Amino acid sequence: MSRGSGMKLTSKEDCGSQIVEFALVLPLMMVILVGIFDFGEAFNTKQKLHLAARETVRYTSNVNSADLTQGVNAASISAARQLMYQQLRTLRLNTCGLDTAAPNYQNYVWTYTTSSGCPGTLVLVIERPVPVDSNGRTLLGSRVTITYPFQWRFNSVVTLIMPKSQYPGPVFTLTSRAFMMDL
């Protein structure tokens, strides 16, 4: 090429500096990329939990409430817990041992707490009946709340950048609540 064409030929120094710049920027790009995937996975998990809570509350609002006075032994509540467990399995979420969790019962509120095989604690709360005031009338409904531990995958990038790192990655909880009037 001629000197007057405006084109610059790259030298070996330019090529070397580009490699160094890429090596410096690559970890930051990896962190951003994994952050995008983590946020997407958290959003997807939140949607799955909401779907599971809606299906479970739909069941509880349609089932007979005659056995609720049996407290811990209420078959309809045990069936609702089993339905939530099946929903989590179907949606490919960690069930955290929900299938074997025993309820803590108090005043028509059943609370299942478990952390078996989870990075945190899963809590399922089934409330039945829940009184709601509607234009001076008291109506009854059901409420299901699930609190689910979600672990960021960010720690995998940290260990790529610093192989001897012991960073476990943060765990935070996603909560979904569903309510439906009893039929």
Foldseek 3Di string as FASTA:
>chain_A
DDPPPPDDDDDPVNVVVVVVVCVVCVLVVVLVVLVVVQVVVVVVVLVLLQVLQAVLQVQLLADDCPQLVVWQPRPSVLVSLVSSLVSCVVSVHDSQPSNPFGWDTDDQKTWTWHRRPHPDIKIKIKHPFDWDADPNDTFTKIKIKIKGKDFRPSVVSVCVVPVVDPDPGDIDIRMHMDMDTHD
